[in-house]
């Protein structure tokens, strides 16, 4: 089997030397244990440091190291997409893993075995989150629980560490949408699925590329790109508020017929602010979807390739 290992990179100069060493050792194990001929496909997502220079140097000395340099930073999902799209015709299967190798690269061997047994998609799933900070663990688990409510097929504690056969990748890249949430889209493909469970390690060098702001943005994108559940929610809230208003109107009319006037500026102002808040939030959620439609309709290219090496 021929395997391409897609590794998106963004400002990873500190960790890449370790990544090269560990991944080269993995290639030898893959050949010995599963008879898999693997290549490393590094995708530089518009890094501002010397990430591309390190990739170019490694590619010059080793034909199993390939490189794609995107002309501008397009985000992790688009960088991953670029690697799959550009490398799908040169392999039988592809696996994606982040450059920091916090995901256990040795799990790729078990993935390759399952693919050889007939699986089309093999998901890497974290056993637990002991290496995360309390806040990261809490926020990540809250995100996955929310996504499970939105879409029951989402795999808890699975990110973008997965192996896919050539036909599964081709089915994936047939999706035309620009608002990518790959971990949701891949579950829609069907095919034969498998799972590999592993322990995630702490980052050895460099900084995390997912600070709080980016995590929140990714969560919102994931929910709104893959589900209309928020729109259903605000519809239900609107119907509930309409029902409550109808009941209150009847109550007010009955009290007025009895010759009594309902007093209270406080209750009136609270009601107005509450309803105004709901209306504003609803408009904002609707605006997110309108914005996504706007992006889809323009059909702009996902990325441009500035340089390629050994590919």
Protein backbone atom coordinates (compact mmCIF):
# COMPACT_ATOMS: atom_id res chain seq x y z
CA UNK A 1 0.00 0.00 0.00
CA UNK A 2 1.15 3.52 -0.80
CA UNK A 3 0.39 6.04 1.95
CA UNK A 4 0.63 9.83 2.07
CA UNK A 5 0.89 11.36 5.54
CA UNK A 6 -0.51 14.90 5.33
CA UNK A 7 0.95 17.26 7.94
CA UNK A 8 -0.41 20.85 8.01
CA UNK A 9 2.09 23.36 9.43
CA UNK A 10 1.82 26.94 10.59
CA UNK A 11 4.81 28.58 12.32
CA UNK A 12 6.20 25.22 13.46
CA UNK A 13 9.94 25.89 13.15
CA UNK A 14 10.57 24.92 16.79
CA UNK A 15 8.96 21.49 16.59
CA UNK A 16 9.71 20.44 12.98
CA UNK A 17 13.22 19.03 13.61
CA UNK A 18 11.73 16.60 16.13
CA UNK A 19 8.85 15.87 13.77
CA UNK A 20 11.22 14.87 10.95
CA UNK A 21 13.09 12.42 13.19
CA UNK A 22 10.00 10.78 14.66
CA UNK A 23 8.15 10.53 11.35
CA UNK A 24 11.17 9.01 9.56
CA UNK A 25 11.29 6.33 12.26
CA UNK A 26 7.58 5.75 11.70
CA UNK A 27 8.09 5.27 7.95
CA UNK A 28 10.58 2.48 8.65
CA UNK A 29 8.16 0.77 11.05
CA UNK A 30 5.28 1.07 8.56
CA UNK A 31 7.36 -0.67 5.89
CA UNK A 32 8.54 -3.42 8.23
CA UNK A 33 5.25 -4.14 9.99
CA UNK A 34 2.57 -3.44 7.36
CA UNK A 35 4.49 -3.41 4.05
CA UNK A 36 3.41 0.21 3.54
CA UNK A 37 5.41 2.64 1.43
CA UNK A 38 4.73 6.01 3.02
CA UNK A 39 5.64 9.60 2.19
CA UNK A 40 5.42 12.75 4.29
CA UNK A 41 3.45 15.61 2.74
CA UNK A 42 4.02 18.85 4.68
CA UNK A 43 1.60 21.68 3.89
CA UNK A 44 2.91 25.09 4.92
CA UNK A 45 -0.14 27.25 5.62
CA UNK A 46 1.52 30.60 4.97
CA UNK A 47 3.96 30.45 7.89
CA UNK A 48 5.85 33.60 8.85
CA UNK A 49 8.88 31.85 10.33
CA UNK A 50 11.37 29.43 8.76
CA UNK A 51 8.93 26.51 8.55
CA UNK A 52 9.10 26.32 4.76
CA UNK A 53 12.89 26.55 4.70
CA UNK A 54 13.09 23.54 7.02
CA UNK A 55 10.65 21.59 4.85
CA UNK A 56 12.58 22.50 1.68
CA UNK A 57 15.86 21.39 3.25
CA UNK A 58 14.38 18.07 4.33
CA UNK A 59 12.81 17.51 0.89
CA UNK A 60 16.12 18.19 -0.84
CA UNK A 61 17.82 15.45 1.15
CA UNK A 62 14.97 12.92 1.19
CA UNK A 63 12.55 11.97 -1.62
CA UNK A 64 9.99 10.68 0.89
CA UNK A 65 9.52 14.25 2.15
CA UNK A 66 7.16 16.34 0.01
CA UNK A 67 6.07 19.93 0.48
CA UNK A 68 3.28 22.30 -0.49
CA UNK A 69 3.57 25.99 0.29
CA UNK A 70 0.29 27.90 0.25
CA UNK A 71 0.53 31.51 -0.86
CA UNK A 72 -1.38 32.78 2.18
CA UNK A 73 -2.61 31.56 5.53
CA UNK A 74 -5.95 29.83 4.86
CA UNK A 75 -6.51 28.00 8.12
CA UNK A 76 -5.97 24.43 9.29
CA UNK A 77 -8.99 22.94 7.51
CA UNK A 78 -8.08 24.41 4.12
CA UNK A 79 -4.43 23.42 4.50
CA UNK A 80 -5.52 19.87 5.25
CA UNK A 81 -7.85 19.95 2.27
CA UNK A 82 -5.03 21.17 0.01
CA UNK A 83 -2.81 18.28 1.05
CA UNK A 84 -5.53 15.72 0.38
CA UNK A 85 -6.58 17.26 -2.92
CA UNK A 86 -3.05 17.56 -4.28
CA UNK A 87 -1.84 14.16 -3.09
CA UNK A 88 -4.84 11.89 -3.62
CA UNK A 89 -3.73 10.63 -7.04
CA UNK A 90 -0.32 9.46 -5.81
CA UNK A 91 -1.40 7.04 -3.08
CA UNK A 92 -3.80 4.29 -2.00
CA UNK A 93 -4.59 5.94 1.33
CA UNK A 94 -3.95 9.18 3.24
CA UNK A 95 -3.65 10.00 6.92
CA UNK A 96 -3.67 13.48 8.48
CA UNK A 97 -1.80 14.44 11.63
CA UNK A 98 -0.70 17.77 13.13
CA UNK A 99 2.96 18.78 13.00
CA UNK A 100 3.30 18.98 16.80
CA UNK A 101 2.74 15.17 16.98
CA UNK A 102 0.66 15.45 20.12
CA UNK A 103 -1.43 12.79 18.45
CA UNK A 104 0.45 9.49 18.74
CA UNK A 105 2.05 8.86 15.36
CA UNK A 106 2.46 5.16 16.23
CA UNK A 107 -1.32 4.80 16.02
CA UNK A 108 -0.90 5.16 12.24
CA UNK A 109 0.47 1.60 12.17
CA UNK A 110 -2.79 0.25 13.63
CA UNK A 111 -4.73 2.43 11.17
CA UNK A 112 -2.77 0.95 8.25
CA UNK A 113 -3.55 -2.56 9.46
CA UNK A 114 -7.27 -1.80 9.55
CA UNK A 115 -7.16 -0.29 6.06
CA UNK A 116 -5.42 -3.43 4.80
CA UNK A 117 -8.27 -5.42 6.37
CA UNK A 118 -10.84 -3.50 4.33
CA UNK A 119 -11.69 -0.35 6.30
CA UNK A 120 -12.07 2.86 4.27
CA UNK A 121 -11.94 5.37 7.14
CA UNK A 122 -10.12 4.82 10.43
CA UNK A 123 -10.60 7.45 13.14
CA UNK A 124 -8.02 8.30 15.78
CA UNK A 125 -9.86 8.82 19.07
CA UNK A 126 -8.33 10.13 22.28
CA UNK A 127 -8.72 7.90 25.32
CA UNK A 128 -8.67 10.82 27.77
CA UNK A 129 -7.49 14.41 28.26
CA UNK A 130 -5.00 14.22 31.12
CA UNK A 131 -2.41 16.33 29.28
CA UNK A 132 -4.84 19.25 28.78
CA UNK A 133 -5.28 22.14 31.17
CA UNK A 134 -8.49 22.18 33.20
CA UNK A 135 -9.97 24.91 31.03
CA UNK A 136 -8.99 23.20 27.75
CA UNK A 137 -10.45 19.91 28.96
CA UNK A 138 -13.68 21.55 30.14
CA UNK A 139 -14.17 23.61 26.97
CA UNK A 140 -13.34 20.72 24.62
CA UNK A 141 -15.71 18.32 26.36
CA UNK A 142 -18.45 20.95 26.38
CA UNK A 143 -17.92 21.46 22.63
CA UNK A 144 -18.16 17.74 21.84
CA UNK A 145 -21.25 17.31 24.02
CA UNK A 146 -22.90 20.25 22.27
CA UNK A 147 -21.97 18.86 18.86
CA UNK A 148 -23.39 15.46 19.83
CA UNK A 149 -26.69 17.19 20.54
CA UNK A 150 -26.54 18.94 17.18
CA UNK A 151 -25.44 15.84 15.26
CA UNK A 152 -25.41 12.45 16.96
CA UNK A 153 -22.86 11.08 14.46
CA UNK A 154 -20.02 13.31 15.69
CA UNK A 155 -17.29 11.17 17.30
CA UNK A 156 -16.46 12.29 20.85
CA UNK A 157 -12.75 13.26 21.27
CA UNK A 158 -11.93 12.85 17.57
CA UNK A 159 -10.34 15.80 15.78
CA UNK A 160 -8.63 15.49 12.37
CA UNK A 161 -6.40 12.50 13.03
CA UNK A 162 -7.74 9.87 10.61
CA UNK A 163 -6.76 7.58 7.75
CA UNK A 164 -8.84 7.39 4.58
CA UNK A 165 -8.56 5.25 1.47
CA UNK A 166 -8.23 6.80 -1.96
CA UNK A 167 -11.92 6.39 -2.78
CA UNK A 168 -12.98 7.91 0.55
CA UNK A 169 -10.74 10.95 -0.02
CA UNK A 170 -12.11 11.41 -3.54
CA UNK A 171 -15.64 11.26 -2.16
CA UNK A 172 -14.70 13.91 0.42
CA UNK A 173 -13.13 16.36 -2.03
CA UNK A 174 -16.26 16.10 -4.19
CA UNK A 175 -17.97 18.29 -1.58
CA UNK A 176 -18.01 21.82 -3.05
CA UNK A 177 -18.63 23.84 0.13
CA UNK A 178 -16.11 26.42 1.38
CA UNK A 179 -17.18 26.43 5.04
CA UNK A 180 -15.30 23.30 6.05
CA UNK A 181 -15.92 21.21 9.15
CA UNK A 182 -14.15 18.04 8.11
CA UNK A 183 -14.82 15.93 11.18
CA UNK A 184 -18.53 16.34 10.49
CA UNK A 185 -18.41 15.94 6.70
CA UNK A 186 -16.33 12.74 6.85
CA UNK A 187 -19.02 10.98 8.92
CA UNK A 188 -21.49 11.61 6.10
CA UNK A 189 -19.41 9.64 3.61
CA UNK A 190 -20.38 6.25 4.99
CA UNK A 191 -17.99 3.47 3.87
CA UNK A 192 -16.48 0.94 6.28
CA UNK A 193 -15.20 2.62 9.45
CA UNK A 194 -12.71 1.66 12.14
CA UNK A 195 -11.33 3.24 15.31
CA UNK A 196 -7.91 3.46 16.94
CA UNK A 197 -7.69 4.73 20.53
CA UNK A 198 -4.55 6.48 21.74
CA UNK A 199 -3.14 8.71 24.48
CA UNK A 200 -2.44 12.28 23.40
CA UNK A 201 0.91 13.71 24.45
CA UNK A 202 1.89 17.17 25.58
CA UNK A 203 3.38 19.54 23.00
CA UNK A 204 7.18 19.28 23.09
CA UNK A 205 8.01 22.64 21.52
CA UNK A 206 6.36 25.77 20.19
CA UNK A 207 3.00 27.25 21.10
CA UNK A 208 -0.50 25.96 20.59
CA UNK A 209 -2.16 27.26 17.40
CA UNK A 210 -5.59 27.10 19.04
CA UNK A 211 -5.88 29.82 21.69
CA UNK A 212 -9.25 30.52 23.33
CA UNK A 213 -10.40 32.99 20.67
CA UNK A 214 -9.65 30.55 17.85
CA UNK A 215 -11.28 27.66 19.71
CA UNK A 216 -14.50 29.65 20.14
CA UNK A 217 -14.45 30.71 16.49
CA UNK A 218 -13.89 27.12 15.35
CA UNK A 219 -16.74 25.90 17.58
CA UNK A 220 -19.16 28.44 16.14
CA UNK A 221 -18.03 27.62 12.59
CA UNK A 222 -18.43 23.91 13.26
CA UNK A 223 -21.98 24.24 14.54
CA UNK A 224 -23.20 26.73 11.93
CA UNK A 225 -21.40 25.05 9.01
CA UNK A 226 -22.83 21.64 9.70
CA UNK A 227 -26.26 22.17 11.22
CA UNK A 228 -29.32 24.41 11.21
CA UNK A 229 -30.02 23.55 14.86
CA UNK A 230 -29.44 27.18 16.03
CA UNK A 231 -32.09 28.37 13.57
CA UNK A 232 -34.50 25.74 14.86
CA UNK A 233 -33.73 26.87 18.41
CA UNK A 234 -34.48 30.55 17.78
CA UNK A 235 -37.66 29.51 15.95
CA UNK A 236 -38.78 27.56 19.03
CA UNK A 237 -37.88 30.50 21.30
CA UNK A 238 -39.85 32.85 19.04
CA UNK A 239 -42.92 30.59 19.16
CA UNK A 240 -42.62 30.31 22.94
CA UNK A 241 -42.37 34.10 23.32
CA UNK A 242 -45.39 34.55 21.03
CA UNK A 243 -47.40 32.12 23.16
CA UNK A 244 -46.37 33.90 26.37
CA UNK A 245 -47.31 37.27 24.85
CA UNK A 246 -50.71 35.89 23.81
CA UNK A 247 -51.36 34.62 27.35
CA UNK A 248 -50.31 37.95 28.85
CA UNK A 249 -52.60 39.88 26.44
CA UNK A 250 -55.56 37.77 27.54
CA UNK A 251 -54.62 38.31 31.19
CA UNK A 252 -54.34 42.08 30.66
CA UNK A 253 -57.70 42.28 28.89
CA UNK A 254 -59.42 40.31 31.66
CA UNK A 255 -57.92 42.55 34.36
CA UNK A 256 -58.94 45.65 32.39
CA UNK A 257 -62.52 44.35 32.05
CA UNK A 258 -62.61 43.93 35.82
CA UNK A 259 -61.71 47.60 36.19
CA UNK A 260 -58.13 47.02 37.37
CA UNK A 261 -54.98 48.42 35.75
CA UNK A 262 -51.74 46.46 35.73
CA UNK A 263 -49.01 48.70 37.12
CA UNK A 264 -45.24 48.39 37.13
CA UNK A 265 -42.65 50.16 35.01
CA UNK A 266 -40.02 47.68 36.20
CA UNK A 267 -41.80 44.63 34.80
CA UNK A 268 -42.42 46.48 31.53
CA UNK A 269 -38.78 47.51 31.09
CA UNK A 270 -37.50 44.04 32.02
CA UNK A 271 -39.83 42.50 29.45
CA UNK A 272 -38.70 44.95 26.77
CA UNK A 273 -35.00 44.33 27.43
CA UNK A 274 -35.53 40.58 27.54
CA UNK A 275 -37.44 40.49 24.28
CA UNK A 276 -34.96 42.92 22.69
CA UNK A 277 -32.07 40.66 23.70
CA UNK A 278 -33.74 37.61 22.19
CA UNK A 279 -34.52 39.47 18.96
CA UNK A 280 -30.96 40.82 18.65
CA UNK A 281 -29.42 37.38 19.30
CA UNK A 282 -31.76 35.79 16.78
CA UNK A 283 -30.80 38.35 14.14
CA UNK A 284 -27.13 37.70 14.88
CA UNK A 285 -27.49 33.92 14.46
CA UNK A 286 -29.45 34.39 11.26
CA UNK A 287 -26.75 36.79 10.07
CA UNK A 288 -24.09 34.09 10.56
CA UNK A 289 -25.94 31.80 8.21
CA UNK A 290 -26.50 34.59 5.68
CA UNK A 291 -22.76 35.35 5.80
CA UNK A 292 -21.92 31.70 5.15
CA UNK A 293 -24.30 31.64 2.20
CA UNK A 294 -22.56 34.78 0.90
CA UNK A 295 -19.16 33.06 1.12
CA UNK A 296 -20.46 29.93 -0.61
CA UNK A 297 -22.11 31.84 -3.44
CA UNK A 298 -18.91 33.73 -4.31
CA UNK A 299 -17.11 30.39 -4.92
CA UNK A 300 -13.68 31.81 -4.26
CA UNK A 301 -10.72 29.36 -4.51
CA UNK A 302 -9.86 27.67 -1.23
CA UNK A 303 -6.12 28.20 -1.68
CA UNK A 304 -3.28 28.93 -4.09
CA UNK A 305 -0.05 26.94 -4.20
CA UNK A 306 3.12 29.01 -4.27
CA UNK A 307 5.63 26.15 -4.35
CA UNK A 308 5.66 22.36 -4.38
CA UNK A 309 8.47 19.90 -3.70
CA UNK A 310 8.78 16.21 -4.69
CA UNK A 311 5.10 16.12 -5.65
